[in-house]
Amino acid sequence: MVAKCNRLKLVAADGKLRPTDVAAAETLLRLVQSVPSPKAEPIKLWLAKAGYERMQEMADPALSLDRARETWKKHGRSEKWIQRRMMGQETRNKLTDYLERTRH
């Protein structure tokens, strides 16, 4: 797993660029899974819960739409904004589907 980490020069607290280990989100989550400390347990539980929720959404995609609506509400978006956003995504999906069909 460590092989999937890279070093980038990032600004440190002292304002200087320091080599810092970085990794993609997937690699970081896998590292968390492998930590044997009880302190990692809350994150592991959250990962299991999130994974279970995504599995439920695969079985019933309407659940993911409900989750998106709730997230946008928590971010302060209005019902009108949410509706326009969802309609825009539907329109874009129809357009890309049409373009894909006509391309072949």
C-alpha atoms as a PDB file:
ATOM      1  CA  MET A   1       0.000   0.000   0.000  1.00  0.00           C
ATOM      2  CA  VAL A   2       2.842   2.375   0.789  1.00  0.00           C
ATOM      3  CA  ALA A   3       3.962   2.071  -2.831  1.00  0.00           C
ATOM      4  CA  LYS A   4       0.776   3.934  -3.811  1.00  0.00           C
ATOM      5  CA  CYS A   5       1.854   6.975  -1.785  1.00  0.00           C
ATOM      6  CA  ASN A   6       3.736   9.839  -3.362  1.00  0.00           C
ATOM      7  CA  ARG A   7       5.613  12.826  -2.008  1.00  0.00           C
ATOM      8  CA  LEU A   8       4.621  16.330  -2.966  1.00  0.00           C
ATOM      9  CA  LYS A   9       6.093  19.574  -1.739  1.00  0.00           C
ATOM     10  CA  LEU A  10       3.347  21.272   0.240  1.00  0.00           C
ATOM     11  CA  VAL A  11       3.429  24.473   2.270  1.00  0.00           C
ATOM     12  CA  ALA A  12       4.140  23.673   5.927  1.00  0.00           C
ATOM     13  CA  ALA A  13       3.108  25.691   8.991  1.00  0.00           C
ATOM     14  CA  ASP A  14       6.392  27.611   8.760  1.00  0.00           C
ATOM     15  CA  GLY A  15       5.542  28.691   5.195  1.00  0.00           C
ATOM     16  CA  LYS A  16       8.242  26.553   3.592  1.00  0.00           C
ATOM     17  CA  LEU A  17       7.682  23.810   1.022  1.00  0.00           C
ATOM     18  CA  ARG A  18       8.214  20.422   2.644  1.00  0.00           C
ATOM     19  CA  PRO A  19       8.018  16.933   1.087  1.00  0.00           C
ATOM     20  CA  THR A  20       4.709  15.450   2.256  1.00  0.00           C
ATOM     21  CA  ASP A  21       3.319  11.944   1.785  1.00  0.00           C
ATOM     22  CA  VAL A  22       0.097  12.006  -0.241  1.00  0.00           C
ATOM     23  CA  ALA A  23      -2.215   9.330  -1.609  1.00  0.00           C
ATOM     24  CA  ALA A  24      -5.480   8.957  -3.471  1.00  0.00           C
ATOM     25  CA  ALA A  25      -8.668   8.686  -1.394  1.00  0.00           C
ATOM     26  CA  GLU A  26      -9.009   4.956  -2.148  1.00  0.00           C
ATOM     27  CA  THR A  27      -5.493   4.268  -0.874  1.00  0.00           C
ATOM     28  CA  LEU A  28      -6.096   6.323   2.281  1.00  0.00           C
ATOM     29  CA  LEU A  29      -9.312   4.445   3.019  1.00  0.00           C
ATOM     30  CA  ARG A  30      -7.555   1.100   2.548  1.00  0.00           C
ATOM     31  CA  LEU A  31      -4.833   2.257   4.960  1.00  0.00           C
ATOM     32  CA  VAL A  32      -7.477   3.165   7.554  1.00  0.00           C
ATOM     33  CA  GLN A  33      -8.976  -0.314   7.184  1.00  0.00           C
ATOM     34  CA  SER A  34      -5.614  -1.878   8.004  1.00  0.00           C
ATOM     35  CA  VAL A  35      -4.951   0.135  11.175  1.00  0.00           C
ATOM     36  CA  PRO A  36      -5.332  -2.190  14.216  1.00  0.00           C
ATOM     37  CA  SER A  37      -5.908   0.692  16.679  1.00  0.00           C
ATOM     38  CA  PRO A  38      -9.225   1.156  18.523  1.00  0.00           C
ATOM     39  CA  LYS A  39      -8.943   4.849  17.600  1.00  0.00           C
ATOM     40  CA  ALA A  40      -9.525   3.870  13.936  1.00  0.00           C
ATOM     41  CA  GLU A  41     -12.740   2.044  14.826  1.00  0.00           C
ATOM     42  CA  PRO A  42     -15.116   5.032  14.374  1.00  0.00           C
ATOM     43  CA  ILE A  43     -13.792   5.611  10.864  1.00  0.00           C
ATOM     44  CA  LYS A  44     -14.050   1.890  10.070  1.00  0.00           C
ATOM     45  CA  LEU A  45     -17.677   1.902  11.269  1.00  0.00           C
ATOM     46  CA  TRP A  46     -18.419   4.954   9.138  1.00  0.00           C
ATOM     47  CA  LEU A  47     -16.827   3.267   6.097  1.00  0.00           C
ATOM     48  CA  ALA A  48     -18.932   0.136   6.661  1.00  0.00           C
ATOM     49  CA  LYS A  49     -22.101   2.246   7.003  1.00  0.00           C
ATOM     50  CA  ALA A  50     -21.329   4.259   3.858  1.00  0.00           C
ATOM     51  CA  GLY A  51     -20.566   1.073   1.912  1.00  0.00           C
ATOM     52  CA  TYR A  52     -23.810  -0.522   3.052  1.00  0.00           C
ATOM     53  CA  GLU A  53     -25.776   2.604   2.052  1.00  0.00           C
ATOM     54  CA  ARG A  54     -24.189   2.602  -1.432  1.00  0.00           C
ATOM     55  CA  MET A  55     -25.125  -1.094  -1.799  1.00  0.00           C
ATOM     56  CA  GLN A  56     -28.728  -0.224  -0.917  1.00  0.00           C
ATOM     57  CA  GLU A  57     -28.644   2.565  -3.526  1.00  0.00           C
ATOM     58  CA  MET A  58     -27.438   0.107  -6.161  1.00  0.00           C
ATOM     59  CA  ALA A  59     -30.529  -1.997  -5.443  1.00  0.00           C
ATOM     60  CA  ASP A  60     -32.829   1.071  -5.362  1.00  0.00           C
ATOM     61  CA  PRO A  61     -31.369   4.093  -7.219  1.00  0.00           C
ATOM     62  CA  ALA A  62     -34.141   6.354  -5.887  1.00  0.00           C
ATOM     63  CA  LEU A  63     -32.334   6.242  -2.536  1.00  0.00           C
ATOM     64  CA  SER A  64     -29.338   8.026  -4.046  1.00  0.00           C
ATOM     65  CA  LEU A  65     -31.609  10.770  -5.359  1.00  0.00           C
ATOM     66  CA  ASP A  66     -33.073  11.180  -1.879  1.00  0.00           C
ATOM     67  CA  ARG A  67     -29.563  11.364  -0.424  1.00  0.00           C
ATOM     68  CA  ALA A  68     -28.563  14.008  -2.982  1.00  0.00           C
ATOM     69  CA  ARG A  69     -31.640  16.099  -2.118  1.00  0.00           C
ATOM     70  CA  GLU A  70     -30.868  15.886   1.621  1.00  0.00           C
ATOM     71  CA  THR A  71     -27.222  16.819   1.053  1.00  0.00           C
ATOM     72  CA  TRP A  72     -28.165  19.856  -1.043  1.00  0.00           C
ATOM     73  CA  LYS A  73     -30.691  20.916   1.629  1.00  0.00           C
ATOM     74  CA  LYS A  74     -27.973  20.661   4.290  1.00  0.00           C
ATOM     75  CA  HIS A  75     -25.818  22.897   2.092  1.00  0.00           C
ATOM     76  CA  GLY A  76     -28.581  25.505   2.128  1.00  0.00           C
ATOM     77  CA  ARG A  77     -29.935  24.984  -1.398  1.00  0.00           C
ATOM     78  CA  SER A  78     -33.567  25.892  -2.039  1.00  0.00           C
ATOM     79  CA  GLU A  79     -36.157  23.420  -3.325  1.00  0.00           C
ATOM     80  CA  LYS A  80     -36.261  25.396  -6.576  1.00  0.00           C
ATOM     81  CA  TRP A  81     -32.475  25.124  -6.974  1.00  0.00           C
ATOM     82  CA  ILE A  82     -32.570  21.386  -6.233  1.00  0.00           C
ATOM     83  CA  GLN A  83     -35.345  20.826  -8.759  1.00  0.00           C
ATOM     84  CA  ARG A  84     -33.503  22.790 -11.470  1.00  0.00           C
ATOM     85  CA  ARG A  85     -30.287  20.902 -10.724  1.00  0.00           C
ATOM     86  CA  MET A  86     -31.984  17.521 -11.018  1.00  0.00           C
ATOM     87  CA  MET A  87     -33.792  18.551 -14.216  1.00  0.00           C
ATOM     88  CA  GLY A  88     -30.495  19.791 -15.665  1.00  0.00           C
ATOM     89  CA  GLN A  89     -28.827  16.473 -14.901  1.00  0.00           C
ATOM     90  CA  GLU A  90     -31.710  14.570 -16.496  1.00  0.00           C
ATOM     91  CA  THR A  91     -31.509  16.742 -19.626  1.00  0.00           C
ATOM     92  CA  ARG A  92     -27.745  16.245 -19.837  1.00  0.00           C
ATOM     93  CA  ASN A  93     -28.150  12.475 -19.430  1.00  0.00           C
ATOM     94  CA  LYS A  94     -30.731  12.347 -22.223  1.00  0.00           C
ATOM     95  CA  LEU A  95     -28.483  14.403 -24.501  1.00  0.00           C
ATOM     96  CA  THR A  96     -25.405  12.261 -23.877  1.00  0.00           C
ATOM     97  CA  ASP A  97     -27.479   9.081 -24.341  1.00  0.00           C
ATOM     98  CA  TYR A  98     -28.790  10.429 -27.650  1.00  0.00           C
ATOM     99  CA  LEU A  99     -25.307  11.429 -28.832  1.00  0.00           C
ATOM    100  CA  GLU A 100     -23.953   8.013 -27.863  1.00  0.00           C
ATOM    101  CA  ARG A 101     -26.730   6.212 -29.804  1.00  0.00           C
ATOM    102  CA  THR A 102     -26.281   8.345 -32.929  1.00  0.00           C
ATOM    103  CA  ARG A 103     -22.512   7.922 -32.860  1.00  0.00           C
ATOM    104  CA  HIS A 104     -22.725   4.179 -33.362  1.00  0.00           C
END
